[in-house]
Amino acid sequence: ASDENAKRTWQTYSYRMTAAASSVGPDAQWKELILGLLDRGEVLIDDISVVENPDGAATQMITNGNFQNGTTGWRFLGNHRHASIVNDPQNAGNQVLFLSARGATEHMHNHVETTLASGRAVTNGLVYEISYRARWLNGINRLNTRLYFNRCAKTTELTRTDEPGT
């Protein structure tokens, strides 16, 4: 068997969106960041950040986005419940999220989530910057991130190697 792990490198992903009113519910009721893979797969994730008004007050809305406090504040649900906090294979002193999905994410279950810091709510009309580092391992490479009720949602195609090994 070949080991192609060296070709699976950390990549930084970032996007900005303006929060708009949800079409499905009371926007201020839930205050979470949600992420999940669109099918079976495994990926390492670290340094998750949600910044409100990045060109202004730049308020960080995530705590423990670097996973140095283990699972504190994070919930793993449904077919994403097999996620765990592990040491980064390239830096044993750095803890990261090992996201192991057994199926597709969805809006009510089957995802990883955390409540925004200090009970902060997303404000419609403000810009939010969502960023993270990810290292694809196997399976699907499409990761969906969103604020609750599908606000500031984006599916990102994570960089993956075309030679995953045998």
C-alpha atoms as a PDB file:
ATOM      1  CA  ALA A   1       0.000   0.000   0.000  1.00  0.00           C
ATOM      2  CA  SER A   2       1.177   3.500  -0.742  1.00  0.00           C
ATOM      3  CA  ASP A   3       1.034   6.334   1.799  1.00  0.00           C
ATOM      4  CA  GLU A   4       0.128   9.622   0.131  1.00  0.00           C
ATOM      5  CA  ASN A   5      -0.549  11.562   3.361  1.00  0.00           C
ATOM      6  CA  ALA A   6       2.205  14.074   2.570  1.00  0.00           C
ATOM      7  CA  LYS A   7       0.156  15.238  -0.427  1.00  0.00           C
ATOM      8  CA  ARG A   8      -2.762  16.091   1.877  1.00  0.00           C
ATOM      9  CA  THR A   9      -1.851  19.546   3.129  1.00  0.00           C
ATOM     10  CA  TRP A  10      -3.566  22.174   5.267  1.00  0.00           C
ATOM     11  CA  GLN A  11      -5.386  24.850   3.297  1.00  0.00           C
ATOM     12  CA  THR A  12      -6.974  28.054   4.598  1.00  0.00           C
ATOM     13  CA  TYR A  13     -10.522  28.872   3.501  1.00  0.00           C
ATOM     14  CA  SER A  14     -12.307  32.157   4.095  1.00  0.00           C
ATOM     15  CA  TYR A  15     -15.398  33.925   2.814  1.00  0.00           C
ATOM     16  CA  ARG A  16     -17.499  36.948   3.629  1.00  0.00           C
ATOM     17  CA  MET A  17     -21.264  37.314   3.384  1.00  0.00           C
ATOM     18  CA  THR A  18     -23.896  39.749   4.497  1.00  0.00           C
ATOM     19  CA  ALA A  19     -26.449  38.139   6.799  1.00  0.00           C
ATOM     20  CA  ALA A  20     -29.972  38.264   5.385  1.00  0.00           C
ATOM     21  CA  ALA A  21     -33.284  37.351   6.947  1.00  0.00           C
ATOM     22  CA  SER A  22     -34.050  33.645   7.022  1.00  0.00           C
ATOM     23  CA  SER A  23     -37.069  32.376   5.154  1.00  0.00           C
ATOM     24  CA  VAL A  24     -37.734  29.570   7.646  1.00  0.00           C
ATOM     25  CA  GLY A  25     -37.735  30.865  11.165  1.00  0.00           C
ATOM     26  CA  PRO A  26     -37.104  33.465  13.828  1.00  0.00           C
ATOM     27  CA  ASP A  27     -33.524  34.563  13.128  1.00  0.00           C
ATOM     28  CA  ALA A  28     -32.529  35.387  16.699  1.00  0.00           C
ATOM     29  CA  GLN A  29     -33.826  32.148  18.253  1.00  0.00           C
ATOM     30  CA  TRP A  30     -30.753  30.000  17.525  1.00  0.00           C
ATOM     31  CA  LYS A  31     -27.174  31.225  17.712  1.00  0.00           C
ATOM     32  CA  GLU A  32     -24.975  28.541  16.188  1.00  0.00           C
ATOM     33  CA  LEU A  33     -22.292  27.924  13.609  1.00  0.00           C
ATOM     34  CA  ILE A  34     -22.936  24.610  11.848  1.00  0.00           C
ATOM     35  CA  LEU A  35     -20.632  22.608   9.604  1.00  0.00           C
ATOM     36  CA  GLY A  36     -20.870  19.279   7.876  1.00  0.00           C
ATOM     37  CA  LEU A  37     -19.728  17.210   4.933  1.00  0.00           C
ATOM     38  CA  LEU A  38     -22.138  16.592   2.071  1.00  0.00           C
ATOM     39  CA  ASP A  39     -21.565  12.818   2.173  1.00  0.00           C
ATOM     40  CA  ARG A  40     -19.253  10.222   3.723  1.00  0.00           C
ATOM     41  CA  GLY A  41     -15.755  11.525   4.323  1.00  0.00           C
ATOM     42  CA  GLU A  42     -13.020  12.576   6.695  1.00  0.00           C
ATOM     43  CA  VAL A  43     -11.297  15.912   7.106  1.00  0.00           C
ATOM     44  CA  LEU A  44      -9.209  17.681   9.728  1.00  0.00           C
ATOM     45  CA  ILE A  45     -10.349  21.204  10.652  1.00  0.00           C
ATOM     46  CA  ASP A  46      -8.697  23.864  12.792  1.00  0.00           C
ATOM     47  CA  ASP A  47      -8.743  27.576  13.584  1.00  0.00           C
ATOM     48  CA  ILE A  48     -12.448  28.110  12.949  1.00  0.00           C
ATOM     49  CA  SER A  49     -13.424  31.761  13.144  1.00  0.00           C
ATOM     50  CA  VAL A  50     -16.585  33.805  12.660  1.00  0.00           C
ATOM     51  CA  VAL A  51     -15.935  37.543  12.710  1.00  0.00           C
ATOM     52  CA  GLU A  52     -18.824  39.998  12.714  1.00  0.00           C
ATOM     53  CA  ASN A  53     -18.141  43.278  10.874  1.00  0.00           C
ATOM     54  CA  PRO A  54     -14.531  42.347   9.884  1.00  0.00           C
ATOM     55  CA  ASP A  55     -13.780  45.816   8.476  1.00  0.00           C
ATOM     56  CA  GLY A  56     -15.193  47.571  11.542  1.00  0.00           C
ATOM     57  CA  ALA A  57     -15.341  46.405  15.152  1.00  0.00           C
ATOM     58  CA  ALA A  58     -14.213  42.896  14.057  1.00  0.00           C
ATOM     59  CA  THR A  59     -15.928  40.917  16.823  1.00  0.00           C
ATOM     60  CA  GLN A  60     -14.894  37.251  17.140  1.00  0.00           C
ATOM     61  CA  MET A  61     -17.996  35.100  17.654  1.00  0.00           C
ATOM     62  CA  ILE A  62     -16.404  31.660  18.200  1.00  0.00           C
ATOM     63  CA  THR A  63     -14.719  30.287  21.299  1.00  0.00           C
ATOM     64  CA  ASN A  64     -12.442  27.241  21.177  1.00  0.00           C
ATOM     65  CA  GLY A  65     -12.176  27.408  17.378  1.00  0.00           C
ATOM     66  CA  ASN A  66      -8.626  26.062  17.749  1.00  0.00           C
ATOM     67  CA  PHE A  67      -9.823  23.024  19.784  1.00  0.00           C
ATOM     68  CA  GLN A  68      -7.117  23.472  22.425  1.00  0.00           C
ATOM     69  CA  ASN A  69      -9.846  22.983  25.049  1.00  0.00           C
ATOM     70  CA  GLY A  70     -10.927  19.687  23.501  1.00  0.00           C
ATOM     71  CA  THR A  71     -14.618  19.363  22.715  1.00  0.00           C
ATOM     72  CA  THR A  72     -15.643  22.245  25.005  1.00  0.00           C
ATOM     73  CA  GLY A  73     -18.517  24.078  23.320  1.00  0.00           C
ATOM     74  CA  TRP A  74     -18.792  21.696  20.349  1.00  0.00           C
ATOM     75  CA  ARG A  75     -21.545  19.154  19.649  1.00  0.00           C
ATOM     76  CA  PHE A  76     -21.305  16.231  17.203  1.00  0.00           C
ATOM     77  CA  LEU A  77     -24.703  15.036  15.985  1.00  0.00           C
ATOM     78  CA  GLY A  78     -26.163  12.155  13.988  1.00  0.00           C
ATOM     79  CA  ASN A  79     -23.967  10.738  11.257  1.00  0.00           C
ATOM     80  CA  HIS A  80     -21.290  13.324  12.228  1.00  0.00           C
ATOM     81  CA  ARG A  81     -21.195  12.053  15.854  1.00  0.00           C
ATOM     82  CA  HIS A  82     -17.970  10.151  15.188  1.00  0.00           C
ATOM     83  CA  ALA A  83     -16.031  13.421  15.068  1.00  0.00           C
ATOM     84  CA  SER A  84     -13.361  13.854  17.739  1.00  0.00           C
ATOM     85  CA  ILE A  85     -10.488  16.062  18.793  1.00  0.00           C
ATOM     86  CA  VAL A  86      -7.086  14.622  17.835  1.00  0.00           C
ATOM     87  CA  ASN A  87      -3.480  15.753  17.662  1.00  0.00           C
ATOM     88  CA  ASP A  88      -2.514  17.269  14.320  1.00  0.00           C
ATOM     89  CA  PRO A  89      -0.460  14.572  12.526  1.00  0.00           C
ATOM     90  CA  GLN A  90       2.026  17.272  11.437  1.00  0.00           C
ATOM     91  CA  ASN A  91       2.213  19.021  14.834  1.00  0.00           C
ATOM     92  CA  ALA A  92       1.532  16.807  17.856  1.00  0.00           C
ATOM     93  CA  GLY A  93       1.132  19.829  20.165  1.00  0.00           C
ATOM     94  CA  ASN A  94      -1.811  21.174  18.165  1.00  0.00           C
ATOM     95  CA  GLN A  95      -5.296  19.756  18.671  1.00  0.00           C
ATOM     96  CA  VAL A  96      -7.676  19.714  15.684  1.00  0.00           C
ATOM     97  CA  LEU A  97     -11.166  18.511  14.842  1.00  0.00           C
ATOM     98  CA  PHE A  98     -11.219  15.139  13.091  1.00  0.00           C
ATOM     99  CA  LEU A  99     -14.533  15.322  11.251  1.00  0.00           C
ATOM    100  CA  SER A 100     -15.708  11.847  10.297  1.00  0.00           C
ATOM    101  CA  ALA A 101     -19.065  11.854   8.532  1.00  0.00           C
ATOM    102  CA  ARG A 102     -20.952   8.636   7.782  1.00  0.00           C
ATOM    103  CA  GLY A 103     -23.427  10.469   5.528  1.00  0.00           C
ATOM    104  CA  ALA A 104     -24.619  13.865   4.375  1.00  0.00           C
ATOM    105  CA  THR A 105     -25.128  16.842   6.646  1.00  0.00           C
ATOM    106  CA  GLU A 106     -28.613  18.302   6.947  1.00  0.00           C
ATOM    107  CA  HIS A 107     -30.330  21.243   8.553  1.00  0.00           C
ATOM    108  CA  MET A 108     -31.610  19.745  11.832  1.00  0.00           C
ATOM    109  CA  HIS A 109     -29.183  16.946  12.651  1.00  0.00           C
ATOM    110  CA  ASN A 110     -26.164  15.221  11.127  1.00  0.00           C
ATOM    111  CA  HIS A 111     -23.621  17.984  11.636  1.00  0.00           C
ATOM    112  CA  VAL A 112     -21.116  19.587  14.006  1.00  0.00           C
ATOM    113  CA  GLU A 113     -22.187  22.762  15.798  1.00  0.00           C
ATOM    114  CA  THR A 114     -21.164  25.309  18.393  1.00  0.00           C
ATOM    115  CA  THR A 115     -23.075  28.139  20.041  1.00  0.00           C
ATOM    116  CA  LEU A 116     -21.771  31.611  19.271  1.00  0.00           C
ATOM    117  CA  ALA A 117     -19.690  33.252  22.013  1.00  0.00           C
ATOM    118  CA  SER A 118     -21.498  35.027  24.845  1.00  0.00           C
ATOM    119  CA  GLY A 119     -24.880  34.186  23.325  1.00  0.00           C
ATOM    120  CA  ARG A 120     -24.301  36.637  20.479  1.00  0.00           C
ATOM    121  CA  ALA A 121     -26.917  36.708  17.746  1.00  0.00           C
ATOM    122  CA  VAL A 122     -26.339  37.220  14.040  1.00  0.00           C
ATOM    123  CA  THR A 123     -27.510  40.652  12.892  1.00  0.00           C
ATOM    124  CA  ASN A 124     -29.133  40.924   9.475  1.00  0.00           C
ATOM    125  CA  GLY A 125     -27.364  43.443   7.255  1.00  0.00           C
ATOM    126  CA  LEU A 126     -23.930  42.951   8.834  1.00  0.00           C
ATOM    127  CA  VAL A 127     -20.999  41.280   7.099  1.00  0.00           C
ATOM    128  CA  TYR A 128     -19.600  38.059   8.574  1.00  0.00           C
ATOM    129  CA  GLU A 129     -16.274  36.473   7.733  1.00  0.00           C
ATOM    130  CA  ILE A 130     -16.113  32.717   8.246  1.00  0.00           C
ATOM    131  CA  SER A 131     -12.681  31.122   8.029  1.00  0.00           C
ATOM    132  CA  TYR A 132     -10.945  27.872   8.927  1.00  0.00           C
ATOM    133  CA  ARG A 133      -8.064  25.620   7.989  1.00  0.00           C
ATOM    134  CA  ALA A 134      -8.857  22.179   6.598  1.00  0.00           C
ATOM    135  CA  ARG A 135      -6.948  19.110   5.505  1.00  0.00           C
ATOM    136  CA  TRP A 136      -8.952  16.645   3.428  1.00  0.00           C
ATOM    137  CA  LEU A 137      -8.264  12.969   4.225  1.00  0.00           C
ATOM    138  CA  ASN A 138     -10.707  10.854   2.228  1.00  0.00           C
ATOM    139  CA  GLY A 139     -14.224  10.593   0.852  1.00  0.00           C
ATOM    140  CA  ILE A 140     -16.262  13.652  -0.077  1.00  0.00           C
ATOM    141  CA  ASN A 141     -14.417  16.964  -0.119  1.00  0.00           C
ATOM    142  CA  ARG A 142     -17.392  19.350   0.057  1.00  0.00           C
ATOM    143  CA  LEU A 143     -17.821  21.068   3.426  1.00  0.00           C
ATOM    144  CA  ASN A 144     -20.876  23.186   4.217  1.00  0.00           C
ATOM    145  CA  THR A 145     -20.577  25.971   6.783  1.00  0.00           C
ATOM    146  CA  ARG A 146     -23.422  28.223   7.871  1.00  0.00           C
ATOM    147  CA  LEU A 147     -24.905  30.257  10.633  1.00  0.00           C
ATOM    148  CA  TYR A 148     -28.200  28.904  11.914  1.00  0.00           C
ATOM    149  CA  PHE A 149     -31.263  28.979   9.637  1.00  0.00           C
ATOM    150  CA  ASN A 150     -28.955  28.808   6.625  1.00  0.00           C
ATOM    151  CA  ARG A 151     -27.607  32.336   6.871  1.00  0.00           C
ATOM    152  CA  CYS A 152     -24.146  33.053   5.438  1.00  0.00           C
ATOM    153  CA  ALA A 153     -24.119  29.492   4.065  1.00  0.00           C
ATOM    154  CA  LYS A 154     -21.445  28.228   1.712  1.00  0.00           C
ATOM    155  CA  THR A 155     -20.340  24.838   0.457  1.00  0.00           C
ATOM    156  CA  THR A 156     -16.590  24.790  -0.134  1.00  0.00           C
ATOM    157  CA  GLU A 157     -14.801  22.228  -2.239  1.00  0.00           C
ATOM    158  CA  LEU A 158     -11.752  21.351  -0.155  1.00  0.00           C
ATOM    159  CA  THR A 159      -8.459  20.771  -1.940  1.00  0.00           C
ATOM    160  CA  ARG A 160      -7.736  17.085  -2.276  1.00  0.00           C
ATOM    161  CA  THR A 161      -5.066  15.010  -3.932  1.00  0.00           C
ATOM    162  CA  ASP A 162      -5.891  13.035  -7.052  1.00  0.00           C
ATOM    163  CA  GLU A 163      -3.620  10.275  -5.762  1.00  0.00           C
ATOM    164  CA  PRO A 164      -5.083   9.201  -2.401  1.00  0.00           C
ATOM    165  CA  GLY A 165      -3.009   6.014  -2.222  1.00  0.00           C
ATOM    166  CA  THR A 166      -3.938   2.361  -2.223  1.00  0.00           C
END
